[in-house]
Amino acid sequence: MKHLKYKSLTMRIWMTFNVVILIIICSLSLIYMMVYRKISEKSKIHDLTVSHEQLIKNNNYNEPIVGFDKISNLKGSKFFIYTIGTNNKIQMVDANNGMQAVDQNKMQKMFPPPQNNNVHIPPGFNEEAVKMWMAGFVNDNNVSDKHFSKSYQGNKYLFVVSSIKYGDSGNYYLVSYLPNIEDNNLLYMVIGIGLLFIVIGFFAAKIVANYISKPLKKLEEYTLKIAHKDWKEPIIINSEDEIGRLAKSMNHMKNELKRADEEEKMFLQSISHDLKTPVMVIMSHAAAIIDGVYIDSVEKTAQIIRDEAINLEKKIKQMLYLNTLDYVLENNEQNEDIELHELVLHIINRFEVVNSKIQWDLNMNKVMIKGNSDKIQVAIENIVDNGLRYAKERMAVSLKKEDSFAVLEIYNDGPNIPKQHIDHIFDNLYKDKTGNFGLGLAITKKIINFYKGEIKAVNKENGVSFVIKFKC
């Protein structure tokens, strides 16, 4: 059962259906026992009372009232008259044949009278015993429509007792009674219909499960294809429900994974070339020193090895920095007020010595932002460093406040970025075929996005501007 419960969608749907049906059956049964029976009993007593009062009104006890025997609640109802004579002798009155004296002592031996409304009559009783049992509930001389609902040896009776004027002397009582036979047909019908629905529910659950599981199986197969990087065909499920939306989401996921996979391959190709080139230069010049066949002096060859090693170290540090940047940003809660114009001036002063031929045009206002100064400095340095590599003669930096943003623009008069690349140069792990736009721009974008900022590259008539917006 555990295997079926957790592995078969049909059984899970059917069991859920069964639980619902059983709850309905139990609820209806409880309602039937607590409400319907009481209502039915009150309805029968009401009809019996009406019939009883009509007999008294007509003052004709020789025969039942015409029409009342056709009422479903009064089927099996009867009435009789009795009186208590001298010496406590109960006399049952036959409306047609007069009175019949009943020996009270003999009746008490056979059928003891009720005690505190809790009557016990021995087995083997007959209709006269039932009448005697009912008569024992009334001792008052003047009774008006007294209702009773009592059980007699497992059989429940509803009866009404009233004092009537019948003979010349004495107290006479009319008793109308009805065996209260509980009709359980409704309960049996509910149980039967519930069982029928349980059987039908199995086949309905199987149909529903097949309808649901068919697209789910397709999604399962499609997921395995994605796991094996099979990007060829999208999954097609023509529905607008939750499964259809899941299929669309999986297609979107496939496209994103495909793009990330292609970018990763391009990145690995580019980075392997970037790492392999300085390694080859270092090895060739080191071998030249060992073999004594270097072109220039030993010092010049050693300087080349040192520069390539520095370049290689820089690329490795960038790779490690990018790989751990998400964790560092999310776990570094050290935000501080930053004088952005002072930070930019500090960065420019450091880069001015790199290329003294570049003219710097500065137009910066004082602006304060919040963040980690080390991370913000890395982001700006990458843009300045990238601009210096392509600048011919001039670089310009402007800083101003617009609404709730600090807008920093860094311009270089180098060549424009091709249109097919300008929207992707900040993508993570992105590199074009020429090897440009390395890890620095990806690092910058990740830092600025973390601080709810924006960055974009804009081609100018002569040069390129990088526009950065920091939230103040």
Protein backbone atom coordinates (compact mmCIF):
# COMPACT_ATOMS: atom_id res chain seq x y z
CA MET A 1 0.00 0.00 0.00
CA LYS A 2 2.88 2.36 0.77
CA HIS A 3 4.34 1.60 -2.67
CA LEU A 4 1.02 2.36 -4.34
CA LYS A 5 0.43 5.46 -2.25
CA TYR A 6 3.65 7.16 -3.17
CA LYS A 7 4.36 5.84 -6.65
CA SER A 8 0.96 5.59 -8.33
CA LEU A 9 -0.78 8.84 -9.18
CA THR A 10 -3.98 6.84 -9.83
CA MET A 11 -4.00 5.42 -6.31
CA ARG A 12 -3.25 8.78 -4.73
CA ILE A 13 -6.14 10.44 -6.58
CA TRP A 14 -8.45 7.50 -5.79
CA MET A 15 -7.53 7.51 -2.10
CA THR A 16 -8.19 11.25 -1.94
CA PHE A 17 -11.54 10.68 -3.68
CA ASN A 18 -12.39 7.88 -1.23
CA VAL A 19 -11.57 10.05 1.78
CA VAL A 20 -13.91 12.76 0.47
CA ILE A 21 -16.70 10.22 -0.17
CA LEU A 22 -16.27 8.65 3.29
CA ILE A 23 -16.39 12.07 4.94
CA ILE A 24 -19.62 12.83 3.06
CA ILE A 25 -21.15 9.44 4.04
CA CYS A 26 -20.19 9.85 7.70
CA SER A 27 -21.51 13.40 7.74
CA LEU A 28 -24.83 12.40 6.17
CA SER A 29 -25.13 9.42 8.54
CA LEU A 30 -24.52 11.65 11.51
CA ILE A 31 -27.05 14.17 10.23
CA TYR A 32 -29.54 11.35 9.66
CA MET A 33 -29.13 9.97 13.18
CA MET A 34 -29.12 13.32 14.96
CA VAL A 35 -31.48 15.43 12.89
CA TYR A 36 -33.54 13.46 10.42
CA ARG A 37 -34.81 10.91 12.96
CA LYS A 38 -35.81 13.63 15.40
CA ILE A 39 -37.61 15.55 12.67
CA SER A 40 -39.31 12.37 11.49
CA GLU A 41 -40.41 11.52 15.02
CA LYS A 42 -41.79 15.02 15.61
CA SER A 43 -43.64 14.82 12.30
CA LYS A 44 -45.23 11.48 13.23
CA ILE A 45 -46.27 12.74 16.68
CA HIS A 46 -47.81 15.80 15.06
CA ASP A 47 -49.85 13.74 12.58
CA LEU A 48 -50.84 11.29 15.31
CA THR A 49 -51.97 14.21 17.50
CA VAL A 50 -54.06 15.66 14.66
CA SER A 51 -55.69 12.28 14.08
CA HIS A 52 -56.22 11.85 17.83
CA GLU A 53 -57.86 15.27 18.18
CA GLN A 54 -60.07 14.62 15.17
CA LEU A 55 -61.36 11.42 16.79
CA ILE A 56 -62.26 13.35 19.93
CA LYS A 57 -63.88 16.10 17.90
CA ASN A 58 -65.99 13.65 15.88
CA ASN A 59 -66.83 11.67 19.04
CA ASN A 60 -67.06 8.56 16.88
CA TYR A 61 -64.78 5.76 18.06
CA ASN A 62 -66.39 2.94 16.09
CA GLU A 63 -64.07 3.31 13.08
CA PRO A 64 -60.97 5.27 12.03
CA ILE A 65 -61.32 8.60 10.35
CA VAL A 66 -61.47 8.26 6.59
CA GLY A 67 -58.33 9.54 4.86
CA PHE A 68 -55.94 9.46 7.80
CA ASP A 69 -54.96 5.89 7.04
CA LYS A 70 -53.51 7.07 3.73
CA ILE A 71 -51.01 9.39 5.42
CA SER A 72 -47.59 7.73 5.36
CA ASN A 73 -46.76 8.84 8.90
CA LEU A 74 -49.96 7.19 10.26
CA LYS A 75 -49.54 3.77 8.68
CA GLY A 76 -49.97 1.15 11.40
CA SER A 77 -51.57 3.61 13.84
CA LYS A 78 -54.40 2.41 16.11
CA PHE A 79 -56.43 3.68 19.03
CA PHE A 80 -58.24 2.22 22.02
CA ILE A 81 -60.26 3.40 25.01
CA TYR A 82 -59.83 2.32 28.58
CA THR A 83 -61.14 3.24 32.01
CA ILE A 84 -60.18 2.48 35.55
CA GLY A 85 -63.14 1.15 37.43
CA THR A 86 -63.74 0.19 41.01
CA ASN A 87 -61.17 -1.89 42.81
CA ASN A 88 -58.55 -0.58 40.33
CA LYS A 89 -59.86 -2.82 37.59
CA ILE A 90 -58.81 -1.64 34.16
CA GLN A 91 -61.53 -2.01 31.60
CA MET A 92 -60.65 -1.97 27.93
CA VAL A 93 -63.52 -0.53 25.95
CA ASP A 94 -64.48 -2.06 22.63
CA ALA A 95 -66.45 0.62 20.87
CA ASN A 96 -68.56 -2.04 19.14
CA ASN A 97 -69.00 -4.60 21.89
CA GLY A 98 -68.93 -2.54 25.08
CA MET A 99 -66.50 -2.91 27.95
CA GLN A 100 -64.34 -5.83 28.81
CA ALA A 101 -63.26 -6.08 32.44
CA VAL A 102 -59.65 -6.96 32.99
CA ASP A 103 -58.44 -8.45 36.22
CA GLN A 104 -55.84 -5.97 37.39
CA ASN A 105 -54.05 -8.43 39.66
CA LYS A 106 -53.80 -10.97 36.87
CA MET A 107 -52.52 -8.35 34.45
CA GLN A 108 -49.97 -7.14 36.99
CA LYS A 109 -48.62 -10.66 37.35
CA MET A 110 -48.37 -11.07 33.60
CA PHE A 111 -47.38 -7.49 32.75
CA PRO A 112 -46.24 -5.36 35.68
CA PRO A 113 -47.24 -1.69 35.42
CA PRO A 114 -44.54 0.89 34.62
CA GLN A 115 -42.34 2.13 37.42
CA ASN A 116 -40.97 5.67 37.01
CA ASN A 117 -41.62 5.48 33.28
CA ASN A 118 -39.15 2.61 32.96
CA VAL A 119 -41.35 -0.38 32.12
CA HIS A 120 -39.99 -3.89 31.75
CA ILE A 121 -42.37 -6.45 30.20
CA PRO A 122 -41.36 -10.09 29.95
CA PRO A 123 -41.09 -11.76 26.54
CA GLY A 124 -44.13 -13.24 24.85
CA PHE A 125 -46.30 -10.15 25.01
CA ASN A 126 -49.27 -9.57 22.75
CA GLU A 127 -51.21 -6.49 21.64
CA GLU A 128 -53.24 -6.44 24.84
CA ALA A 129 -49.98 -6.31 26.78
CA VAL A 130 -48.86 -3.31 24.70
CA LYS A 131 -52.14 -1.53 25.46
CA MET A 132 -51.81 -2.35 29.13
CA TRP A 133 -48.23 -1.02 29.09
CA MET A 134 -49.37 2.27 27.53
CA ALA A 135 -52.28 2.61 29.95
CA GLY A 136 -49.89 2.38 32.87
CA PHE A 137 -48.27 5.72 32.01
CA VAL A 138 -51.36 7.79 32.93
CA ASN A 139 -52.76 8.10 36.44
CA ASP A 140 -54.28 11.58 36.26
CA ASN A 141 -58.05 11.87 36.15
CA ASN A 142 -57.94 14.71 33.63
CA VAL A 143 -55.40 14.33 30.83
CA SER A 144 -55.28 16.51 27.75
CA ASP A 145 -53.09 15.43 24.82
CA LYS A 146 -50.22 13.91 26.77
CA HIS A 147 -47.51 12.72 24.38
CA PHE A 148 -45.17 9.80 24.92
CA SER A 149 -42.23 8.32 23.03
CA LYS A 150 -41.23 5.14 24.81
CA SER A 151 -39.54 1.84 24.02
CA TYR A 152 -41.13 -1.49 24.83
CA GLN A 153 -38.83 -4.50 24.58
CA GLY A 154 -36.78 -2.97 21.78
CA ASN A 155 -39.78 -1.53 19.93
CA LYS A 156 -40.41 2.16 20.08
CA TYR A 157 -44.00 3.48 20.32
CA LEU A 158 -45.40 6.95 19.93
CA PHE A 159 -48.72 7.47 21.68
CA VAL A 160 -51.07 10.24 22.75
CA VAL A 161 -53.43 9.99 25.74
CA SER A 162 -56.46 12.23 26.41
CA SER A 163 -59.37 12.16 28.85
CA ILE A 164 -62.70 11.85 27.02
CA LYS A 165 -66.38 11.79 27.81
CA TYR A 166 -67.58 8.37 26.87
CA GLY A 167 -69.67 6.56 29.47
CA ASP A 168 -72.19 7.62 32.08
CA SER A 169 -69.68 7.55 34.91
CA GLY A 170 -65.96 7.12 35.48
CA ASN A 171 -62.87 8.45 33.76
CA TYR A 172 -62.29 7.32 30.18
CA TYR A 173 -59.09 7.70 28.21
CA LEU A 174 -58.43 7.62 24.51
CA VAL A 175 -55.03 6.31 23.47
CA SER A 176 -53.81 6.72 19.89
CA TYR A 177 -50.58 4.87 19.27
CA LEU A 178 -48.14 4.20 16.47
CA PRO A 179 -45.15 1.85 16.26
CA ASN A 180 -42.19 4.09 15.43
CA ILE A 181 -40.43 1.92 12.89
CA GLU A 182 -37.26 3.71 11.89
CA ASP A 183 -36.87 3.79 8.13
CA ASN A 184 -33.18 3.36 7.35
CA ASN A 185 -33.70 3.20 3.62
CA LEU A 186 -32.29 6.71 3.21
CA LEU A 187 -29.17 5.78 5.16
CA TYR A 188 -28.74 2.56 3.18
CA MET A 189 -29.24 4.48 -0.05
CA VAL A 190 -26.56 7.02 0.91
CA ILE A 191 -24.12 4.25 1.83
CA GLY A 192 -24.91 2.37 -1.38
CA ILE A 193 -24.44 5.45 -3.53
CA GLY A 194 -21.18 6.20 -1.70
CA LEU A 195 -19.86 2.69 -2.36
CA LEU A 196 -20.91 2.98 -5.99
CA PHE A 197 -19.06 6.28 -6.28
CA ILE A 198 -15.97 4.69 -4.73
CA VAL A 199 -15.99 2.01 -7.42
CA ILE A 200 -16.66 4.55 -10.16
CA GLY A 201 -14.04 6.83 -8.60
CA PHE A 202 -11.31 4.26 -9.24
CA PHE A 203 -11.90 4.36 -12.98
CA ALA A 204 -12.37 8.15 -12.91
CA ALA A 205 -9.09 8.49 -10.98
CA LYS A 206 -7.33 6.32 -13.54
CA ILE A 207 -8.61 8.50 -16.40
CA VAL A 208 -7.64 11.72 -14.57
CA ALA A 209 -4.24 10.30 -13.60
CA ASN A 210 -3.52 9.29 -17.18
CA TYR A 211 -4.57 12.75 -18.38
CA ILE A 212 -2.25 14.41 -15.87
CA SER A 213 0.65 11.97 -16.05
CA LYS A 214 0.96 12.00 -19.84
CA PRO A 215 2.32 15.57 -20.04
CA LEU A 216 4.26 14.99 -16.81
CA LYS A 217 6.05 12.04 -18.42
CA LYS A 218 6.93 14.30 -21.35
CA LEU A 219 8.30 16.86 -18.91
CA GLU A 220 10.31 14.15 -17.17
CA GLU A 221 11.88 13.03 -20.46
CA TYR A 222 12.53 16.64 -21.40
CA THR A 223 14.23 17.30 -18.05
CA LEU A 224 16.58 14.37 -18.64
CA LYS A 225 17.45 15.81 -22.05
CA ILE A 226 18.25 19.17 -20.46
CA ALA A 227 20.40 17.38 -17.85
CA HIS A 228 22.41 15.90 -20.75
CA LYS A 229 22.62 19.32 -22.48
CA ASP A 230 20.35 18.34 -25.34
CA TRP A 231 19.15 21.76 -26.49
CA LYS A 232 17.74 20.74 -29.86
CA GLU A 233 13.96 20.76 -29.52
CA PRO A 234 11.64 22.58 -27.09
CA ILE A 235 8.85 20.76 -25.33
CA ILE A 236 5.37 21.50 -26.70
CA ILE A 237 2.31 21.10 -24.41
CA ASN A 238 -0.80 22.78 -25.74
CA SER A 239 -2.53 23.77 -22.53
CA GLU A 240 -2.90 26.94 -20.49
CA ASP A 241 -3.09 25.27 -17.08
CA GLU A 242 -0.33 24.82 -14.51
CA ILE A 243 1.33 22.05 -16.54
CA GLY A 244 1.35 24.22 -19.65
CA ARG A 245 2.92 27.09 -17.71
CA LEU A 246 5.47 24.67 -16.27
CA ALA A 247 6.39 23.57 -19.82
CA LYS A 248 6.89 27.22 -20.85
CA SER A 249 9.06 27.81 -17.79
CA MET A 250 11.14 24.75 -18.63
CA ASN A 251 11.61 26.00 -22.20
CA HIS A 252 12.74 29.33 -20.80
CA MET A 253 15.09 27.52 -18.41
CA LYS A 254 16.48 25.51 -21.34
CA ASN A 255 17.19 28.69 -23.31
CA GLU A 256 18.93 30.29 -20.33
CA LEU A 257 21.00 27.17 -19.67
CA LYS A 258 21.89 26.94 -23.36
CA ARG A 259 23.03 30.58 -23.38
CA ALA A 260 25.03 30.10 -20.18
CA ASP A 261 26.61 26.95 -21.62
CA GLU A 262 27.63 28.75 -24.80
CA GLU A 263 29.01 31.70 -22.83
CA GLU A 264 30.93 29.34 -20.59
CA LYS A 265 32.47 27.58 -23.58
CA MET A 266 33.45 30.92 -25.15
CA PHE A 267 34.87 32.10 -21.84
CA LEU A 268 36.92 28.93 -21.36
CA GLN A 269 38.27 29.22 -24.88
CA SER A 270 39.17 32.89 -24.35
CA ILE A 271 40.61 32.51 -20.87
CA SER A 272 42.64 29.47 -21.89
CA HIS A 273 44.16 31.55 -24.68
CA ASP A 274 44.80 34.47 -22.32
CA LEU A 275 46.49 32.20 -19.78
CA LYS A 276 48.38 30.14 -22.33
CA THR A 277 49.96 33.15 -24.09
CA PRO A 278 51.84 34.61 -21.08
CA VAL A 279 52.85 31.11 -19.96
CA MET A 280 54.36 30.42 -23.41
CA VAL A 281 56.18 33.78 -23.38
CA ILE A 282 57.56 33.13 -19.88
CA MET A 283 58.68 29.61 -20.81
CA SER A 284 60.31 30.67 -24.09
CA HIS A 285 62.27 33.53 -22.52
CA ALA A 286 63.27 31.37 -19.53
CA ALA A 287 64.52 28.70 -21.96
CA ALA A 288 66.42 31.39 -23.88
CA ILE A 289 68.21 32.44 -20.69
CA ILE A 290 69.07 28.83 -19.88
CA ASP A 291 70.33 28.16 -23.41
CA GLY A 292 72.05 31.54 -23.68
CA VAL A 293 70.33 32.43 -26.96
CA TYR A 294 68.34 35.44 -25.81
CA ILE A 295 68.14 38.38 -28.21
CA ASP A 296 68.60 41.30 -25.81
CA SER A 297 70.31 41.43 -22.49
CA VAL A 298 69.53 39.08 -19.64
CA GLU A 299 67.99 41.97 -17.74
CA LYS A 300 65.64 42.80 -20.64
CA THR A 301 64.59 39.16 -21.00
CA ALA A 302 63.99 38.90 -17.23
CA GLN A 303 61.89 42.08 -17.34
CA ILE A 304 59.70 40.53 -20.06
CA ILE A 305 59.25 37.42 -17.90
CA ARG A 306 58.32 39.61 -14.92
CA ASP A 307 55.75 41.64 -16.92
CA GLU A 308 54.10 38.52 -18.29
CA ALA A 309 54.00 36.98 -14.83
CA ILE A 310 52.35 40.14 -13.48
CA ASN A 311 49.80 40.00 -16.31
CA LEU A 312 49.15 36.31 -15.63
CA GLU A 313 48.75 36.95 -11.91
CA LYS A 314 46.26 39.74 -12.63
CA LYS A 315 44.08 37.47 -14.78
CA ILE A 316 44.13 34.69 -12.18
CA LYS A 317 43.18 37.14 -9.43
CA GLN A 318 40.29 38.43 -11.54
CA MET A 319 39.03 34.88 -12.07
CA LEU A 320 39.19 34.11 -8.35
CA TYR A 321 37.64 37.49 -7.47
CA LEU A 322 34.71 36.96 -9.86
CA ASN A 323 34.16 33.43 -8.57
CA THR A 324 33.88 34.56 -4.93
CA LEU A 325 32.27 37.97 -5.50
CA ASP A 326 28.66 36.87 -4.92
CA TYR A 327 29.51 35.36 -1.55
CA VAL A 328 31.62 38.36 -0.50
CA LEU A 329 28.91 40.87 -1.42
CA GLU A 330 26.08 38.97 0.28
CA ASN A 331 28.04 38.40 3.48
CA ASN A 332 29.60 41.85 3.75
CA GLU A 333 27.24 44.16 5.62
CA GLN A 334 29.85 46.90 6.06
CA ASN A 335 28.19 49.84 4.32
CA GLU A 336 29.53 53.32 4.89
CA ASP A 337 29.11 56.86 3.61
CA ILE A 338 31.43 57.40 0.64
CA GLU A 339 32.54 60.75 -0.74
CA LEU A 340 32.32 59.55 -4.34
CA HIS A 341 34.15 62.52 -5.88
CA GLU A 342 37.12 61.99 -3.52
CA LEU A 343 37.21 58.27 -4.31
CA VAL A 344 37.20 58.96 -8.07
CA LEU A 345 40.00 61.55 -7.69
CA HIS A 346 42.06 59.01 -5.75
CA ILE A 347 41.62 56.44 -8.54
CA ILE A 348 42.51 58.94 -11.29
CA ASN A 349 45.66 60.03 -9.44
CA ARG A 350 46.82 56.42 -9.40
CA PHE A 351 46.16 55.91 -13.11
CA GLU A 352 47.67 59.22 -14.32
CA VAL A 353 51.17 57.80 -13.94
CA VAL A 354 50.30 54.78 -16.11
CA ASN A 355 50.07 56.90 -19.26
CA SER A 356 51.30 60.45 -18.89
CA LYS A 357 50.35 61.29 -22.49
CA ILE A 358 46.60 61.13 -21.73
CA GLN A 359 44.83 64.42 -21.04
CA TRP A 360 42.27 64.26 -18.23
CA ASP A 361 39.18 66.52 -18.19
CA LEU A 362 37.42 66.47 -14.81
CA ASN A 363 34.05 68.01 -13.95
CA MET A 364 32.88 66.54 -10.66
CA ASN A 365 30.44 67.70 -7.98
CA LYS A 366 30.40 66.51 -4.39
CA VAL A 367 28.08 63.49 -4.05
CA MET A 368 27.62 61.04 -1.17
CA ILE A 369 26.63 57.37 -1.62
CA LYS A 370 26.43 54.35 0.67
CA GLY A 371 28.33 51.11 0.15
CA ASN A 372 31.61 49.31 0.65
CA SER A 373 34.38 51.63 -0.51
CA ASP A 374 36.71 48.77 -1.51
CA LYS A 375 34.11 47.18 -3.79
CA ILE A 376 33.03 50.50 -5.31
CA GLN A 377 36.70 51.33 -5.96
CA VAL A 378 37.22 48.00 -7.78
CA ALA A 379 34.18 48.66 -9.97
CA ILE A 380 35.35 52.17 -10.99
CA GLU A 381 39.00 51.11 -11.43
CA ASN A 382 37.97 48.44 -13.94
CA ILE A 383 36.18 51.04 -16.08
CA VAL A 384 39.07 53.53 -15.89
CA ASP A 385 41.59 50.79 -16.69
CA ASN A 386 39.49 49.63 -19.64
CA GLY A 387 39.22 53.24 -20.93
CA LEU A 388 42.98 53.84 -20.69
CA ARG A 389 43.67 50.78 -22.84
CA TYR A 390 41.67 52.26 -25.73
CA ALA A 391 42.10 56.03 -25.19
CA LYS A 392 44.17 57.87 -27.78
CA GLU A 393 44.73 61.29 -26.25
CA ARG A 394 41.87 62.19 -23.92
CA MET A 395 39.77 60.91 -21.06
CA ALA A 396 36.95 62.84 -19.40
CA VAL A 397 35.22 62.17 -16.04
CA SER A 398 32.05 63.91 -14.87
CA LEU A 399 30.06 63.41 -11.66
CA LYS A 400 26.70 64.92 -10.79
CA LYS A 401 23.52 64.15 -8.87
CA GLU A 402 20.27 63.46 -10.71
CA ASP A 403 17.20 62.83 -8.55
CA SER A 404 18.23 60.08 -6.10
CA PHE A 405 21.20 58.86 -8.17
CA ALA A 406 24.86 59.81 -8.44
CA VAL A 407 25.72 59.75 -12.18
CA LEU A 408 29.36 59.05 -13.01
CA GLU A 409 30.40 59.23 -16.70
CA ILE A 410 33.86 58.03 -17.81
CA TYR A 411 34.71 58.89 -21.43
CA ASN A 412 37.60 57.81 -23.63
CA ASP A 413 38.32 58.91 -27.22
CA GLY A 414 39.05 55.38 -28.41
CA PRO A 415 37.20 53.39 -31.10
CA ASN A 416 33.48 52.67 -30.86
CA ILE A 417 32.25 49.29 -29.60
CA PRO A 418 30.57 47.23 -32.36
CA LYS A 419 26.78 47.25 -32.06
CA GLN A 420 26.56 43.46 -31.82
CA HIS A 421 28.77 43.55 -28.70
CA ILE A 422 27.78 46.72 -26.86
CA ASP A 423 24.75 45.12 -25.20
CA HIS A 424 26.77 42.09 -24.02
CA ILE A 425 30.09 43.46 -22.84
CA PHE A 426 28.96 43.39 -19.19
CA ASP A 427 27.55 39.86 -19.34
CA ASN A 428 29.09 37.39 -16.97
CA LEU A 429 31.94 35.44 -18.61
CA TYR A 430 31.42 37.30 -21.90
CA LYS A 431 34.25 37.80 -24.38
CA ASP A 432 34.12 38.52 -28.05
CA LYS A 433 36.23 36.71 -30.61
CA THR A 434 39.01 39.33 -30.43
CA GLY A 435 39.52 38.66 -26.73
CA ASN A 436 38.33 42.11 -25.64
CA PHE A 437 35.97 42.91 -22.74
CA GLY A 438 37.43 40.55 -20.17
CA LEU A 439 36.48 39.81 -16.62
CA GLY A 440 36.80 43.37 -15.35
CA LEU A 441 33.54 44.60 -16.88
CA ALA A 442 31.61 41.59 -15.57
CA ILE A 443 32.98 42.25 -12.08
CA THR A 444 31.99 45.92 -12.31
CA LYS A 445 28.43 45.17 -13.38
CA LYS A 446 27.95 42.63 -10.58
CA ILE A 447 29.11 45.10 -7.93
CA ILE A 448 26.99 47.98 -9.24
CA ASN A 449 23.88 45.77 -9.56
CA PHE A 450 24.35 44.61 -5.97
CA TYR A 451 24.12 48.22 -4.80
CA LYS A 452 20.95 48.79 -6.88
CA GLY A 453 22.82 50.83 -9.46
CA GLU A 454 23.02 50.79 -13.27
CA ILE A 455 25.79 50.77 -15.85
CA LYS A 456 25.82 51.05 -19.63
CA ALA A 457 28.19 51.79 -22.49
CA VAL A 458 27.28 54.49 -25.02
CA ASN A 459 29.05 55.07 -28.32
CA LYS A 460 29.82 58.73 -28.95
CA GLU A 461 30.76 60.39 -32.22
CA ASN A 462 34.43 60.04 -31.28
CA GLY A 463 34.82 57.57 -28.46
CA VAL A 464 32.87 55.65 -25.84
CA SER A 465 31.28 56.69 -22.55
CA PHE A 466 30.59 54.40 -19.62
CA VAL A 467 27.69 55.79 -17.57
CA ILE A 468 27.35 54.52 -13.98
CA LYS A 469 24.43 55.35 -11.68
CA PHE A 470 24.78 54.82 -7.94
CA LYS A 471 21.78 55.09 -5.62
CA CYS A 472 22.39 57.87 -3.12
